[in-house]
Protein backbone atom coordinates (compact mmCIF):
# COMPACT_ATOMS: atom_id res chain seq x y z
CA MET A 1 0.00 0.00 0.00
CA SER A 2 2.64 2.54 1.03
CA SER A 3 4.54 1.98 -2.22
CA THR A 4 1.48 3.08 -4.23
CA LEU A 5 1.19 6.41 -2.40
CA ARG A 6 3.86 8.92 -3.34
CA GLY A 7 5.31 10.64 -0.29
CA PHE A 8 3.96 8.14 2.22
CA PRO A 9 6.76 6.73 4.46
CA ASP A 10 8.06 3.31 3.53
CA PRO A 11 8.44 1.52 5.86
CA PHE A 12 5.64 2.68 8.11
CA PRO A 13 5.59 3.65 10.96
CA VAL A 14 8.38 6.21 10.95
CA ARG A 15 9.35 5.32 14.52
CA VAL A 16 8.88 2.00 16.30
CA ASP A 17 10.16 3.06 19.74
CA GLY A 18 6.83 4.46 20.92
CA ARG A 19 7.93 8.08 20.59
CA ARG A 20 6.55 10.81 18.34
CA PRO A 21 8.32 11.61 15.05
CA LEU A 22 9.40 15.21 14.55
CA ARG A 23 6.53 15.86 12.13
CA TYR A 24 4.07 14.61 14.76
CA ARG A 25 5.52 16.89 17.46
CA THR A 26 5.51 19.89 15.15
CA VAL A 27 1.92 19.49 13.97
CA SER A 28 0.73 18.69 17.51
CA GLY A 29 2.27 21.86 18.93
CA ALA A 30 0.84 24.00 16.13
CA THR A 31 -2.59 22.43 16.62
CA ARG A 32 -2.65 23.23 20.33
CA ALA A 33 -1.61 26.82 19.72
CA VAL A 34 -4.27 27.41 17.06
CA MET A 35 -7.11 25.68 18.91
CA ARG A 36 -6.41 27.25 22.28
CA GLY A 37 -6.05 30.66 20.68
CA TRP A 38 -9.30 30.29 18.75
CA PHE A 39 -11.60 28.45 21.17
CA GLY A 40 -10.09 29.49 24.51
CA SER A 41 -12.03 28.18 27.49
CA GLN A 42 -14.80 26.90 25.19
CA LEU A 43 -12.58 23.93 24.35
CA ASP A 44 -12.80 21.28 27.08
CA VAL A 45 -10.32 18.48 26.46
CA ARG A 46 -9.18 17.87 30.04
CA GLU A 47 -10.31 14.25 30.05
CA LEU A 48 -8.50 13.61 26.77
CA GLN A 49 -5.23 14.77 28.33
CA GLY A 50 -5.72 12.22 31.11
CA MET A 51 -6.23 9.17 28.90
CA PRO A 52 -3.82 6.20 29.26
CA HIS A 53 -0.33 6.92 27.95
CA ASP A 54 0.50 3.32 27.08
CA GLY A 55 -0.93 0.57 24.92
CA PRO A 56 -1.92 -1.67 23.47
CA LEU A 57 -5.19 0.22 23.25
CA LEU A 58 -7.95 0.58 20.67
CA VAL A 59 -9.32 4.12 21.03
CA VAL A 60 -12.83 4.43 19.57
CA CYS A 61 -14.75 7.66 18.99
CA ASN A 62 -17.77 9.10 17.21
CA HIS A 63 -17.14 11.57 14.38
CA LEU A 64 -18.82 14.92 13.75
CA SER A 65 -16.25 17.23 12.20
CA ASN A 66 -12.87 17.47 10.49
CA ILE A 67 -11.68 19.08 13.72
CA ASP A 68 -12.03 15.79 15.63
CA PRO A 69 -8.70 14.20 14.58
CA PHE A 70 -6.85 17.39 15.51
CA LEU A 71 -8.26 17.19 19.05
CA PHE A 72 -6.49 13.85 19.50
CA GLY A 73 -3.36 14.89 17.64
CA GLY A 74 -3.04 18.06 19.65
CA TYR A 75 -4.07 16.99 23.13
CA ALA A 76 -3.86 13.21 23.58
CA PRO A 77 -0.64 12.33 25.43
CA GLY A 78 2.07 10.20 23.88
CA ALA A 79 2.15 8.76 20.39
CA MET A 80 -1.08 7.59 18.77
CA PHE A 81 -1.86 6.07 15.37
CA CYS A 82 -4.93 6.89 13.32
CA MET A 83 -6.65 5.54 10.21
CA ALA A 84 -7.56 8.26 7.69
CA LYS A 85 -9.40 8.07 4.39
CA ARG A 86 -7.12 7.34 1.46
CA GLU A 87 -8.23 10.46 -0.41
CA LEU A 88 -6.32 12.64 2.05
CA PHE A 89 -3.03 11.09 0.91
CA ALA A 90 -3.42 12.05 -2.78
CA LEU A 91 -0.76 14.81 -2.69
CA PRO A 92 2.78 13.57 -1.90
CA PRO A 93 3.62 16.43 0.54
CA VAL A 94 0.40 15.77 2.46
CA ALA A 95 1.06 12.01 2.47
CA TRP A 96 4.55 12.72 3.85
CA VAL A 97 3.19 14.89 6.68
CA LEU A 98 0.34 12.53 7.54
CA GLY A 99 2.64 9.50 7.57
CA GLY A 100 4.98 11.33 9.91
CA CYS A 101 2.02 12.08 12.18
CA ASN A 102 1.30 8.33 12.50
CA CYS A 103 -1.70 8.48 10.15
CA TYR A 104 -2.16 5.75 7.57
CA PRO A 105 -4.66 5.30 4.73
CA VAL A 106 -7.75 3.16 4.61
CA GLU A 107 -9.94 2.48 1.58
CA ARG A 108 -13.51 3.22 2.59
CA GLY A 109 -16.48 1.24 1.36
CA ALA A 110 -14.67 -2.09 1.11
CA PRO A 111 -12.57 -4.31 3.38
CA ASP A 112 -9.03 -2.90 3.28
CA ARG A 113 -6.76 -5.79 4.21
CA TRP A 114 -3.63 -3.65 4.33
CA ALA A 115 -5.19 -1.17 6.76
CA LEU A 116 -6.60 -3.97 8.94
CA ARG A 117 -3.31 -5.85 8.96
CA THR A 118 -1.38 -2.66 9.77
CA THR A 119 -3.74 -1.89 12.66
CA LEU A 120 -3.35 -5.36 14.14
CA GLN A 121 0.44 -5.11 13.84
CA LEU A 122 0.49 -1.73 15.58
CA LEU A 123 -1.66 -3.07 18.42
CA ALA A 124 0.50 -6.20 18.71
CA ARG A 125 3.52 -3.94 19.18
CA GLY A 126 1.81 -2.15 22.07
CA GLY A 127 0.58 0.87 20.12
CA ARG A 128 -2.55 2.95 20.62
CA VAL A 129 -4.77 3.20 17.54
CA LEU A 130 -7.61 5.70 17.07
CA ILE A 131 -10.67 4.59 15.07
CA PHE A 132 -13.63 6.80 14.20
CA VAL A 133 -16.17 4.02 14.37
CA GLU A 134 -18.82 5.43 12.03
CA GLY A 135 -16.35 5.47 9.13
CA THR A 136 -17.24 9.04 8.15
CA ARG A 137 -18.62 12.20 9.69
CA SER A 138 -22.26 12.27 10.74
CA SER A 139 -24.24 14.83 8.78
CA ARG A 140 -25.92 16.00 12.00
CA PRO A 141 -25.81 15.17 15.72
CA GLY A 142 -26.69 11.52 16.27
CA MET A 143 -24.55 8.42 15.89
CA ARG A 144 -24.86 6.40 12.70
CA GLN A 145 -24.50 2.63 12.61
CA VAL A 146 -20.85 1.86 13.27
CA GLU A 147 -18.67 -0.13 10.89
CA THR A 148 -18.22 -3.84 11.65
CA GLY A 149 -14.48 -3.42 11.14
CA VAL A 150 -14.06 -2.05 14.65
CA GLY A 151 -15.65 -5.24 15.98
CA PHE A 152 -13.25 -7.33 13.89
CA LEU A 153 -10.24 -5.39 15.21
CA ALA A 154 -11.38 -5.69 18.82
CA ARG A 155 -11.99 -9.43 18.44
CA ARG A 156 -8.78 -10.25 16.59
CA SER A 157 -6.47 -8.08 18.69
CA GLY A 158 -7.99 -8.84 22.10
CA VAL A 159 -6.72 -5.49 23.43
CA PRO A 160 -8.62 -3.13 25.76
CA VAL A 161 -10.98 -0.68 24.09
CA LEU A 162 -11.19 2.95 25.23
CA PRO A 163 -14.47 4.75 24.36
CA VAL A 164 -14.25 8.49 23.72
CA ALA A 165 -17.06 10.90 22.88
CA VAL A 166 -16.85 14.31 21.24
CA TRP A 167 -19.63 16.82 20.68
CA GLY A 168 -19.95 20.46 19.67
CA SER A 169 -17.31 20.13 16.97
CA GLU A 170 -20.01 19.91 14.30
CA ASN A 171 -20.87 23.55 15.11
CA ALA A 172 -17.22 24.59 15.18
CA LEU A 173 -16.58 23.50 11.59
CA ARG A 174 -19.67 22.87 9.49
CA ARG A 175 -19.58 20.78 6.32
CA GLY A 176 -18.57 22.84 3.30
CA THR A 177 -16.89 25.60 5.33
CA LEU A 178 -13.19 26.29 5.82
CA LEU A 179 -13.14 28.71 8.75
CA PRO A 180 -14.14 27.44 12.22
CA ARG A 181 -16.60 29.17 14.51
CA ARG A 182 -16.10 29.85 18.20
CA THR A 183 -18.34 27.44 20.06
CA ASN A 184 -18.23 24.93 22.90
CA VAL A 185 -16.42 21.68 22.09
CA ARG A 186 -16.29 18.87 24.63
CA VAL A 187 -14.41 15.58 24.79
CA ARG A 188 -15.26 12.90 27.34
CA VAL A 189 -13.27 9.74 27.96
CA GLY A 190 -14.72 6.51 29.37
CA ALA A 191 -13.06 3.59 31.09
CA PRO A 192 -11.13 0.95 29.12
CA PHE A 193 -13.01 -2.33 28.73
CA ARG A 194 -12.82 -5.63 26.89
CA PRO A 195 -15.90 -6.34 24.76
CA ASP A 196 -17.85 -9.54 25.16
CA ILE A 197 -16.99 -11.97 22.35
CA PRO A 198 -20.24 -13.75 21.50
CA ALA A 199 -20.08 -17.24 20.02
CA VAL A 200 -22.38 -16.35 17.15
CA ARG A 201 -22.00 -16.03 13.40
CA HIS A 202 -22.16 -12.25 13.32
CA ALA A 203 -19.88 -11.62 16.30
CA ASP A 204 -18.14 -8.60 14.77
CA ARG A 205 -21.44 -6.74 14.37
CA ALA A 206 -22.42 -7.51 17.97
CA ILE A 207 -19.03 -6.33 19.26
CA ALA A 208 -19.19 -3.15 17.16
CA ASP A 209 -22.63 -2.35 18.52
CA GLU A 210 -21.45 -2.90 22.09
CA ILE A 211 -18.56 -0.50 21.47
CA ALA A 212 -20.97 2.06 19.99
CA GLY A 213 -23.18 1.72 23.05
CA ARG A 214 -20.23 2.56 25.30
CA ILE A 215 -19.52 5.69 23.27
CA ALA A 216 -23.20 6.68 23.28
CA GLU A 217 -23.32 6.49 27.08
CA LEU A 218 -20.73 9.29 27.19
CA LEU A 219 -22.69 11.56 24.83
CA PRO A 220 -25.62 13.88 25.59
CA PRO A 221 -28.91 12.18 24.60
CA MET A 222 -29.39 14.16 21.36
CA TYR A 223 -26.03 12.87 20.07
CA ARG A 224 -26.64 9.16 20.66
CA GLY A 225 -28.60 8.55 17.49
CA LEU A 226 -29.17 4.85 16.73
CA TYR A 227 -27.62 3.90 20.07
CA GLY A 228 -29.74 6.10 22.29
CA ALA A 229 -31.84 3.17 23.49
CA LYS A 230 -28.98 0.65 23.65
CA PRO A 231 -27.23 0.71 27.01
CA ALA A 232 -23.76 -0.80 27.07
CA ALA A 233 -23.43 -4.37 28.32
């Protein structure tokens, strides 16, 4: 996969010692400066800064805005990896920066074996991997049905899962706009857990829905969407 994307680091990841590459540190520092300067006290990411520093850990979150990945990149402690849609890696300079920030491409709409295999390898090495479980941004507040891939990754890796919820970011950067608005943005972090692994044919779907229920419990009711009436196991 990396060889077909000009600019993307080969081999990936850039560092295997658990520390942030220089590109990661640079972008993270710039992100914090811009977000704190723009949102001020309206940005509440205190719980994100207190999340576990070490892995292996599958970090799962809902997705409302293009700002969401920057919240993790700017404020989550330590080095984290993140899947991102392949389209973002089209330009070689962007692919170079994203790869250095521990982001790697995933082909949406079909099983991407390279992305799944890379994720499992990162987790096996003790890494922390961020997955936006809905696969794309929600068009409005309310969780969509999550992708079964997150259930597959949780089942195959066997690592703890950390649910995280974000809300308000959809008002900070609306679809089709480039400039953010000053508004309240909140991130809430749950407790790590290990999903139940049911002995049924469609286990990955059941696991994915359990993970979504854990995220929904952290959200205000209007943001829970399909999982508003599904308490976590």
